[in-house]
């Protein structure tokens, strides 16, 4: 998985529980900036950890 793909996937997993909530535009934008500014290796590590915690291992 490329760094860009990992970032998009991590962001999607982090935002999934918030879908349908109102008033979260600013939070979503800040989260997106944080993920996009992370080094690819850190993103991949966090993605693996999140998937492991949620039982989504691929």
N, C-alpha and C. Protein backbone atom coordinates (compact mmCIF):
# COMPACT_ATOMS: atom_id res chain seq x y z
N UNK A 1 0.86 -1.17 0.00
CA UNK A 1 0.00 0.00 0.00
C UNK A 1 0.90 1.23 0.00
N UNK A 2 0.62 2.15 -0.89
CA UNK A 2 1.42 3.37 -0.96
C UNK A 2 1.08 4.28 0.21
N UNK A 3 1.93 5.25 0.46
CA UNK A 3 1.68 6.19 1.55
C UNK A 3 0.40 6.97 1.35
N UNK A 4 0.13 7.37 0.11
CA UNK A 4 -1.08 8.15 -0.18
C UNK A 4 -2.32 7.30 0.05
N UNK A 5 -2.28 6.05 -0.40
CA UNK A 5 -3.41 5.15 -0.20
C UNK A 5 -3.63 4.89 1.28
N UNK A 6 -2.55 4.71 2.03
CA UNK A 6 -2.66 4.47 3.47
C UNK A 6 -3.28 5.68 4.16
N UNK A 7 -2.88 6.88 3.75
CA UNK A 7 -3.43 8.09 4.35
C UNK A 7 -4.93 8.20 4.09
N UNK A 8 -5.33 7.92 2.87
CA UNK A 8 -6.75 7.99 2.53
C UNK A 8 -7.55 6.95 3.30
N UNK A 9 -6.99 5.75 3.43
CA UNK A 9 -7.69 4.68 4.15
C UNK A 9 -7.79 4.99 5.64
N UNK A 10 -6.70 5.50 6.23
CA UNK A 10 -6.71 5.87 7.64
C UNK A 10 -7.74 6.96 7.89
N UNK A 11 -7.75 7.97 7.06
CA UNK A 11 -8.70 9.06 7.21
C UNK A 11 -10.14 8.54 7.11
N UNK A 12 -10.38 7.65 6.17
CA UNK A 12 -11.72 7.08 6.00
C UNK A 12 -12.14 6.30 7.25
N UNK A 13 -11.23 5.50 7.81
CA UNK A 13 -11.56 4.73 9.01
C UNK A 13 -11.81 5.63 10.22
N UNK A 14 -11.05 6.71 10.32
CA UNK A 14 -11.23 7.63 11.45
C UNK A 14 -12.53 8.42 11.35
N UNK A 15 -12.95 8.71 10.13
CA UNK A 15 -14.16 9.51 9.93
C UNK A 15 -15.43 8.67 9.88
N UNK A 16 -15.32 7.38 9.66
CA UNK A 16 -16.50 6.52 9.52
C UNK A 16 -17.48 6.65 10.69
N UNK A 17 -17.02 6.61 11.93
CA UNK A 17 -17.99 6.73 13.05
C UNK A 17 -18.68 8.09 13.11
N UNK A 18 -18.14 9.08 12.42
CA UNK A 18 -18.69 10.43 12.49
C UNK A 18 -19.66 10.75 11.36
N UNK A 19 -19.80 9.84 10.41
CA UNK A 19 -20.68 10.09 9.26
C UNK A 19 -22.10 10.37 9.74
N UNK A 20 -22.71 11.37 9.16
CA UNK A 20 -24.06 11.74 9.52
C UNK A 20 -24.16 12.74 10.65
N UNK A 21 -23.05 13.00 11.33
CA UNK A 21 -23.05 13.99 12.41
C UNK A 21 -22.96 15.38 11.80
N UNK A 22 -23.62 16.32 12.41
CA UNK A 22 -23.58 17.69 11.91
C UNK A 22 -22.59 18.51 12.71
N UNK A 23 -22.10 19.55 12.11
CA UNK A 23 -21.22 20.48 12.81
C UNK A 23 -19.80 19.99 12.98
N UNK A 24 -19.36 19.03 12.19
CA UNK A 24 -18.02 18.50 12.36
C UNK A 24 -17.08 18.88 11.21
N UNK A 25 -17.45 19.85 10.42
CA UNK A 25 -16.65 20.24 9.26
C UNK A 25 -15.24 20.65 9.67
N UNK A 26 -15.13 21.50 10.68
CA UNK A 26 -13.82 21.98 11.12
C UNK A 26 -12.98 20.84 11.66
N UNK A 27 -13.57 19.96 12.45
CA UNK A 27 -12.83 18.81 12.98
C UNK A 27 -12.33 17.93 11.84
N UNK A 28 -13.19 17.70 10.85
CA UNK A 28 -12.83 16.86 9.71
C UNK A 28 -11.66 17.47 8.96
N UNK A 29 -11.68 18.78 8.75
CA UNK A 29 -10.61 19.47 8.04
C UNK A 29 -9.29 19.37 8.81
N UNK A 30 -9.33 19.57 10.12
CA UNK A 30 -8.13 19.49 10.94
C UNK A 30 -7.56 18.08 10.95
N UNK A 31 -8.44 17.09 11.05
CA UNK A 31 -8.00 15.69 11.03
C UNK A 31 -7.35 15.37 9.69
N UNK A 32 -7.93 15.85 8.61
CA UNK A 32 -7.38 15.61 7.29
C UNK A 32 -5.98 16.21 7.16
N UNK A 33 -5.80 17.42 7.66
CA UNK A 33 -4.48 18.06 7.61
C UNK A 33 -3.46 17.29 8.44
N UNK A 34 -3.87 16.82 9.61
CA UNK A 34 -2.95 16.06 10.46
C UNK A 34 -2.51 14.77 9.78
N UNK A 35 -3.44 14.05 9.20
CA UNK A 35 -3.10 12.79 8.53
C UNK A 35 -2.22 13.05 7.31
N UNK A 36 -2.55 14.06 6.53
CA UNK A 36 -1.77 14.35 5.33
C UNK A 36 -0.35 14.82 5.65
N UNK A 37 -0.15 15.40 6.82
CA UNK A 37 1.18 15.86 7.21
C UNK A 37 2.03 14.80 7.91
N UNK A 38 1.44 13.64 8.18
CA UNK A 38 2.18 12.55 8.83
C UNK A 38 3.10 11.87 7.82
N UNK A 39 4.25 11.41 8.29
CA UNK A 39 5.11 10.60 7.42
C UNK A 39 4.38 9.29 7.07
N UNK A 40 4.63 8.77 5.87
CA UNK A 40 3.95 7.57 5.39
C UNK A 40 4.13 6.39 6.34
N UNK A 41 5.31 6.22 6.91
CA UNK A 41 5.55 5.10 7.81
C UNK A 41 4.68 5.19 9.06
N UNK A 42 4.54 6.40 9.61
CA UNK A 42 3.69 6.59 10.79
C UNK A 42 2.22 6.29 10.45
N UNK A 43 1.79 6.72 9.28
CA UNK A 43 0.41 6.47 8.85
C UNK A 43 0.17 4.96 8.75
N UNK A 44 1.10 4.25 8.14
CA UNK A 44 0.94 2.81 7.99
C UNK A 44 0.90 2.11 9.34
N UNK A 45 1.74 2.56 10.28
CA UNK A 45 1.73 1.98 11.62
C UNK A 45 0.40 2.25 12.33
N UNK A 46 -0.09 3.46 12.24
CA UNK A 46 -1.37 3.79 12.88
C UNK A 46 -2.53 3.06 12.23
N UNK A 47 -2.47 2.89 10.92
CA UNK A 47 -3.51 2.17 10.20
C UNK A 47 -3.54 0.71 10.63
N UNK A 48 -2.37 0.09 10.72
CA UNK A 48 -2.30 -1.30 11.18
C UNK A 48 -2.85 -1.44 12.59
N UNK A 49 -2.49 -0.50 13.46
CA UNK A 49 -2.96 -0.54 14.84
C UNK A 49 -4.48 -0.38 14.91
N UNK A 50 -5.02 0.55 14.15
CA UNK A 50 -6.48 0.78 14.13
C UNK A 50 -7.21 -0.44 13.58
N UNK A 51 -6.66 -1.03 12.53
CA UNK A 51 -7.29 -2.22 11.96
C UNK A 51 -7.23 -3.38 12.94
N UNK A 52 -6.11 -3.52 13.64
CA UNK A 52 -5.96 -4.59 14.62
C UNK A 52 -6.99 -4.42 15.75
N UNK A 53 -7.13 -3.20 16.22
CA UNK A 53 -8.08 -2.93 17.32
C UNK A 53 -9.52 -3.20 16.91
N UNK A 54 -9.84 -2.94 15.66
CA UNK A 54 -11.19 -3.09 15.18
C UNK A 54 -11.45 -4.45 14.52
N UNK A 55 -10.45 -5.31 14.53
CA UNK A 55 -10.59 -6.63 13.93
C UNK A 55 -10.72 -6.57 12.43
N UNK A 56 -10.05 -5.59 11.80
CA UNK A 56 -10.15 -5.42 10.36
C UNK A 56 -8.86 -5.80 9.65
N UNK A 57 -8.05 -6.64 10.25
CA UNK A 57 -6.77 -7.02 9.66
C UNK A 57 -6.97 -7.50 8.23
N UNK A 58 -6.11 -7.02 7.34
CA UNK A 58 -6.21 -7.47 5.95
C UNK A 58 -5.04 -8.31 5.56
